[in-house]
Protein backbone atom coordinates (compact mmCIF):
# COMPACT_ATOMS: atom_id res chain seq x y z
CA UNK A 1 -109.17 -75.80 -48.42
CA UNK A 2 -111.71 -74.65 -45.81
CA UNK A 3 -110.91 -71.39 -44.01
CA UNK A 4 -111.39 -71.56 -40.26
CA UNK A 5 -113.39 -68.82 -38.60
CA UNK A 6 -112.18 -67.09 -35.44
CA UNK A 7 -115.27 -68.45 -33.68
CA UNK A 8 -114.34 -72.04 -34.59
CA UNK A 9 -110.85 -71.55 -33.21
CA UNK A 10 -112.08 -69.77 -30.07
CA UNK A 11 -114.74 -72.35 -29.27
CA UNK A 12 -112.60 -75.40 -29.92
CA UNK A 13 -111.58 -77.62 -26.98
CA UNK A 14 -114.13 -76.13 -24.56
CA UNK A 15 -114.33 -79.30 -22.49
CA UNK A 16 -113.84 -80.07 -18.80
CA UNK A 17 -110.21 -80.56 -17.87
CA UNK A 18 -108.43 -82.14 -14.94
CA UNK A 19 -105.14 -81.16 -13.32
CA UNK A 20 -103.17 -83.40 -15.66
CA UNK A 21 -104.13 -81.57 -18.84
CA UNK A 22 -104.55 -78.02 -17.53
CA UNK A 23 -101.32 -77.00 -19.29
CA UNK A 24 -102.92 -77.91 -22.62
CA UNK A 25 -106.46 -76.82 -21.75
CA UNK A 26 -106.39 -73.65 -23.83
CA UNK A 27 -104.41 -75.02 -26.76
CA UNK A 28 -106.07 -75.99 -30.03
CA UNK A 29 -105.50 -79.66 -30.86
CA UNK A 30 -104.32 -80.21 -34.43
CA UNK A 31 -104.60 -83.90 -35.34
CA UNK A 32 -102.49 -84.90 -38.34
CA UNK A 33 -103.02 -88.23 -40.09
CA UNK A 34 -101.18 -90.15 -42.77
CA UNK A 35 -103.45 -91.77 -45.36
CA UNK A 36 -102.07 -95.11 -46.60
CA UNK A 37 -101.91 -97.91 -44.01
CA UNK A 38 -102.93 -95.49 -41.27
CA UNK A 39 -106.48 -94.34 -41.98
CA UNK A 40 -106.73 -97.13 -44.54
CA UNK A 41 -105.33 -100.63 -44.22
CA UNK A 42 -104.12 -100.55 -47.81
CA UNK A 43 -101.83 -98.57 -50.11
CA UNK A 44 -104.48 -96.46 -51.88
CA UNK A 45 -102.34 -95.46 -54.86
CA UNK A 46 -100.97 -98.95 -55.43
CA UNK A 47 -104.47 -100.42 -55.37
CA UNK A 48 -105.73 -97.60 -57.62
CA UNK A 49 -103.15 -98.36 -60.33
CA UNK A 50 -103.73 -102.11 -60.08
CA UNK A 51 -107.49 -101.65 -60.44
CA UNK A 52 -107.08 -99.14 -63.30
CA UNK A 53 -104.95 -101.70 -65.15
CA UNK A 54 -107.54 -104.46 -64.63
CA UNK A 55 -110.23 -102.12 -65.99
CA UNK A 56 -108.11 -101.42 -69.07
CA UNK A 57 -107.52 -97.74 -68.22
CA UNK A 58 -103.70 -97.94 -68.16
CA UNK A 59 -101.07 -100.22 -69.70
CA UNK A 60 -99.01 -102.91 -67.97
CA UNK A 61 -95.87 -100.83 -68.64
CA UNK A 62 -97.35 -97.97 -66.59
CA UNK A 63 -98.33 -100.36 -63.79
CA UNK A 64 -94.82 -101.86 -63.74
CA UNK A 65 -93.20 -98.42 -63.62
CA UNK A 66 -95.41 -97.46 -60.71
CA UNK A 67 -94.45 -100.67 -58.92
CA UNK A 68 -90.77 -99.84 -59.45
CA UNK A 69 -91.29 -96.59 -57.52
CA UNK A 70 -92.70 -98.66 -54.66
CA UNK A 71 -89.70 -100.99 -54.72
CA UNK A 72 -87.40 -97.95 -54.57
CA UNK A 73 -89.49 -96.56 -51.70
CA UNK A 74 -89.08 -99.76 -49.68
CA UNK A 75 -85.33 -99.78 -50.37
CA UNK A 76 -84.91 -96.19 -49.18
CA UNK A 77 -84.04 -94.68 -52.55
CA UNK A 78 -87.41 -93.16 -53.41
CA UNK A 79 -87.40 -89.93 -55.47
CA UNK A 80 -90.62 -88.11 -54.51
CA UNK A 81 -90.27 -85.50 -57.27
CA UNK A 82 -89.84 -88.06 -60.10
CA UNK A 83 -92.76 -90.05 -58.68
CA UNK A 84 -94.90 -86.89 -58.67
CA UNK A 85 -93.96 -86.05 -62.29
CA UNK A 86 -94.70 -89.62 -63.39
CA UNK A 87 -98.14 -89.58 -61.78
CA UNK A 88 -99.06 -86.20 -63.27
CA UNK A 89 -98.09 -87.47 -66.72
CA UNK A 90 -100.16 -90.65 -66.33
CA UNK A 91 -103.22 -88.83 -64.97
CA UNK A 92 -103.10 -86.37 -67.89
CA UNK A 93 -102.28 -88.89 -70.64
CA UNK A 94 -105.01 -91.36 -69.66
CA UNK A 95 -107.48 -88.62 -68.60
CA UNK A 96 -107.97 -90.32 -65.23
CA UNK A 97 -109.50 -87.17 -63.73
CA UNK A 98 -112.49 -87.59 -66.05
CA UNK A 99 -113.10 -91.20 -64.99
CA UNK A 100 -115.40 -90.21 -62.13
CA UNK A 101 -117.46 -93.42 -62.27
CA UNK A 102 -114.29 -95.46 -61.95
CA UNK A 103 -112.98 -93.36 -59.05
CA UNK A 104 -116.30 -93.65 -57.18
CA UNK A 105 -116.37 -97.40 -57.85
CA UNK A 106 -112.78 -97.70 -56.60
CA UNK A 107 -113.49 -95.82 -53.35
CA UNK A 108 -116.72 -97.70 -52.61
CA UNK A 109 -115.42 -101.13 -53.62
CA UNK A 110 -111.96 -101.05 -52.06
CA UNK A 111 -111.22 -98.08 -49.77
CA UNK A 112 -114.43 -98.01 -47.72
CA UNK A 113 -113.99 -101.70 -46.98
CA UNK A 114 -110.41 -101.18 -45.83
CA UNK A 115 -110.80 -98.33 -43.36
CA UNK A 116 -108.88 -98.75 -40.12
CA UNK A 117 -111.91 -98.08 -37.91
CA UNK A 118 -110.16 -96.94 -34.73
CA UNK A 119 -108.01 -94.32 -36.49
CA UNK A 120 -110.86 -93.23 -38.76
CA UNK A 121 -113.14 -92.60 -35.77
CA UNK A 122 -110.40 -90.52 -34.16
CA UNK A 123 -110.21 -88.41 -37.30
CA UNK A 124 -113.95 -87.97 -37.77
CA UNK A 125 -114.55 -86.58 -34.28
CA UNK A 126 -111.78 -83.95 -34.47
CA UNK A 127 -112.87 -80.77 -36.27
CA UNK A 128 -109.32 -79.51 -36.84
CA UNK A 129 -107.89 -82.76 -38.18
CA UNK A 130 -105.58 -82.65 -41.21
CA UNK A 131 -104.69 -85.38 -43.67
CA UNK A 132 -101.05 -84.80 -44.55
CA UNK A 133 -100.28 -87.11 -47.44
CA UNK A 134 -97.73 -87.52 -50.21
CA UNK A 135 -100.50 -88.82 -52.47
CA UNK A 136 -101.19 -86.99 -55.71
CA UNK A 137 -104.09 -84.56 -55.91
CA UNK A 138 -106.43 -86.98 -57.71
CA UNK A 139 -106.09 -89.77 -55.17
CA UNK A 140 -106.00 -87.56 -52.08
CA UNK A 141 -109.03 -85.44 -53.01
CA UNK A 142 -111.05 -88.49 -54.11
CA UNK A 143 -110.58 -90.15 -50.73
CA UNK A 144 -111.14 -86.87 -48.89
CA UNK A 145 -114.32 -85.98 -50.81
CA UNK A 146 -116.03 -89.33 -50.38
CA UNK A 147 -114.83 -90.40 -46.94
CA UNK A 148 -113.81 -87.31 -44.98
CA UNK A 149 -115.96 -84.60 -46.56
CA UNK A 150 -115.10 -81.40 -44.64
CA UNK A 151 -111.66 -82.26 -43.28
CA UNK A 152 -108.58 -80.28 -44.24
CA UNK A 153 -106.08 -81.99 -46.49
CA UNK A 154 -102.52 -81.21 -47.60
CA UNK A 155 -101.11 -83.21 -50.49
CA UNK A 156 -98.55 -83.15 -53.28
CA UNK A 157 -99.83 -80.90 -56.08
CA UNK A 158 -98.56 -78.78 -58.97
CA UNK A 159 -100.82 -76.03 -57.57
CA UNK A 160 -99.15 -76.02 -54.13
CA UNK A 161 -96.74 -73.18 -54.97
CA UNK A 162 -99.65 -70.91 -55.89
CA UNK A 163 -101.17 -71.60 -52.47
CA UNK A 164 -97.89 -71.01 -50.62
CA UNK A 165 -97.11 -74.68 -49.95
CA UNK A 166 -94.11 -76.81 -50.86
CA UNK A 167 -94.94 -78.61 -54.11
CA UNK A 168 -93.84 -82.06 -52.93
CA UNK A 169 -95.54 -82.93 -49.64
CA UNK A 170 -93.05 -85.56 -48.49
CA UNK A 171 -90.53 -85.92 -45.65
CA UNK A 172 -89.42 -82.58 -44.16
CA UNK A 173 -91.76 -80.74 -46.55
CA UNK A 174 -94.71 -82.08 -44.56
CA UNK A 175 -93.43 -80.17 -41.54
CA UNK A 176 -93.06 -76.98 -43.60
CA UNK A 177 -96.53 -77.36 -45.11
CA UNK A 178 -98.21 -77.92 -41.74
CA UNK A 179 -96.52 -74.77 -40.40
CA UNK A 180 -97.62 -72.82 -43.49
CA UNK A 181 -101.19 -74.10 -43.01
CA UNK A 182 -101.20 -73.04 -39.36
CA UNK A 183 -99.88 -69.59 -40.29
CA UNK A 184 -102.48 -69.17 -43.05
CA UNK A 185 -105.21 -69.98 -40.53
CA UNK A 186 -103.70 -67.70 -37.85
CA UNK A 187 -103.41 -70.56 -35.36
CA UNK A 188 -100.60 -69.93 -32.88
CA UNK A 189 -101.66 -71.50 -29.57
CA UNK A 190 -101.79 -75.17 -30.53
CA UNK A 191 -100.57 -78.69 -29.83
CA UNK A 192 -100.15 -81.38 -32.46
CA UNK A 193 -100.61 -85.13 -32.59
CA UNK A 194 -99.56 -87.21 -35.57
CA UNK A 195 -100.66 -90.70 -36.67
CA UNK A 196 -98.47 -92.57 -39.19
CA UNK A 197 -96.98 -95.93 -40.09
CA UNK A 198 -94.08 -94.58 -42.18
CA UNK A 199 -90.45 -93.96 -41.30
CA UNK A 200 -90.46 -91.33 -44.09
CA UNK A 201 -92.63 -89.25 -41.77
CA UNK A 202 -89.88 -89.12 -39.14
CA UNK A 203 -89.44 -85.30 -39.48
CA UNK A 204 -93.14 -84.74 -38.75
CA UNK A 205 -93.05 -87.27 -35.91
CA UNK A 206 -90.17 -85.29 -34.39
CA UNK A 207 -92.12 -82.04 -34.69
CA UNK A 208 -95.37 -83.38 -33.17
CA UNK A 209 -96.22 -82.98 -29.48
CA UNK A 210 -97.68 -86.49 -29.38
CA UNK A 211 -97.04 -89.39 -31.77
CA UNK A 212 -99.15 -92.41 -32.65
CA UNK A 213 -97.10 -94.94 -34.60
CA UNK A 214 -99.14 -97.59 -36.40
CA UNK A 215 -97.61 -101.05 -36.99
CA UNK A 216 -94.00 -99.78 -37.02
CA UNK A 217 -91.25 -101.72 -38.79
CA UNK A 218 -88.01 -102.39 -36.90
CA UNK A 219 -86.30 -99.26 -38.23
CA UNK A 220 -89.12 -96.94 -37.17
CA UNK A 221 -89.49 -98.78 -33.87
CA UNK A 222 -85.83 -98.17 -33.03
CA UNK A 223 -86.18 -94.48 -33.92
CA UNK A 224 -89.34 -94.15 -31.83
CA UNK A 225 -87.31 -94.85 -28.67
CA UNK A 226 -85.81 -91.37 -29.10
CA UNK A 227 -89.25 -89.84 -28.54
CA UNK A 228 -89.43 -90.87 -24.88
CA UNK A 229 -92.87 -90.67 -23.26
CA UNK A 230 -94.74 -88.82 -25.99
CA UNK A 231 -95.21 -91.84 -28.26
CA UNK A 232 -98.00 -94.40 -28.43
CA UNK A 233 -97.59 -97.56 -30.50
CA UNK A 234 -100.71 -99.03 -32.10
CA UNK A 235 -100.70 -102.54 -33.56
CA UNK A 236 -103.49 -103.46 -35.97
């Protein structure tokens, strides 16, 4: 994770302001983005496992178990910790971290072609943007390294505790991890905006100063009415 310098923080947001945004003129803008179906139009992990199976890197049983997690997710009974343990086991057992040619092929063949251009451009032009994702370390860092290069990223990892973060970066833990990140970088005078498509990110949506909700389902749309005038809906 890149450490911000005091100069970067001090010089950020030095743009002309009008009367409408004078209240925020001296605040650092922290842009937080979800990964799947927000920056990308696809579910990166789901596509990764499907492609790995087609290439003969994992078994059908592993693919089916992964798909079961997704079914549970859609039914609201997703267990983020069990999902994390499962993925760590698969990555280790099948040595997926060493399959660099496959990972590069996967990113170039599938992810780069499925970037949601509007959101991606928003991310690229903001120096203090953060990708806050539940994705495992392998998937999150692969996308970050190839597409985003120098952007900050917070993800689910077995190393999170050593770095002071919550191990599972999901739900309310995303809020905690963003706050920990801000504290570690000594950023106190800030405003946040958050882009997501997921109702599981509701805690972080609540905590953000401004919310961008991408293609919301009915449940998230009904919740978004509680946010009043600080919410922008984006339909792809």
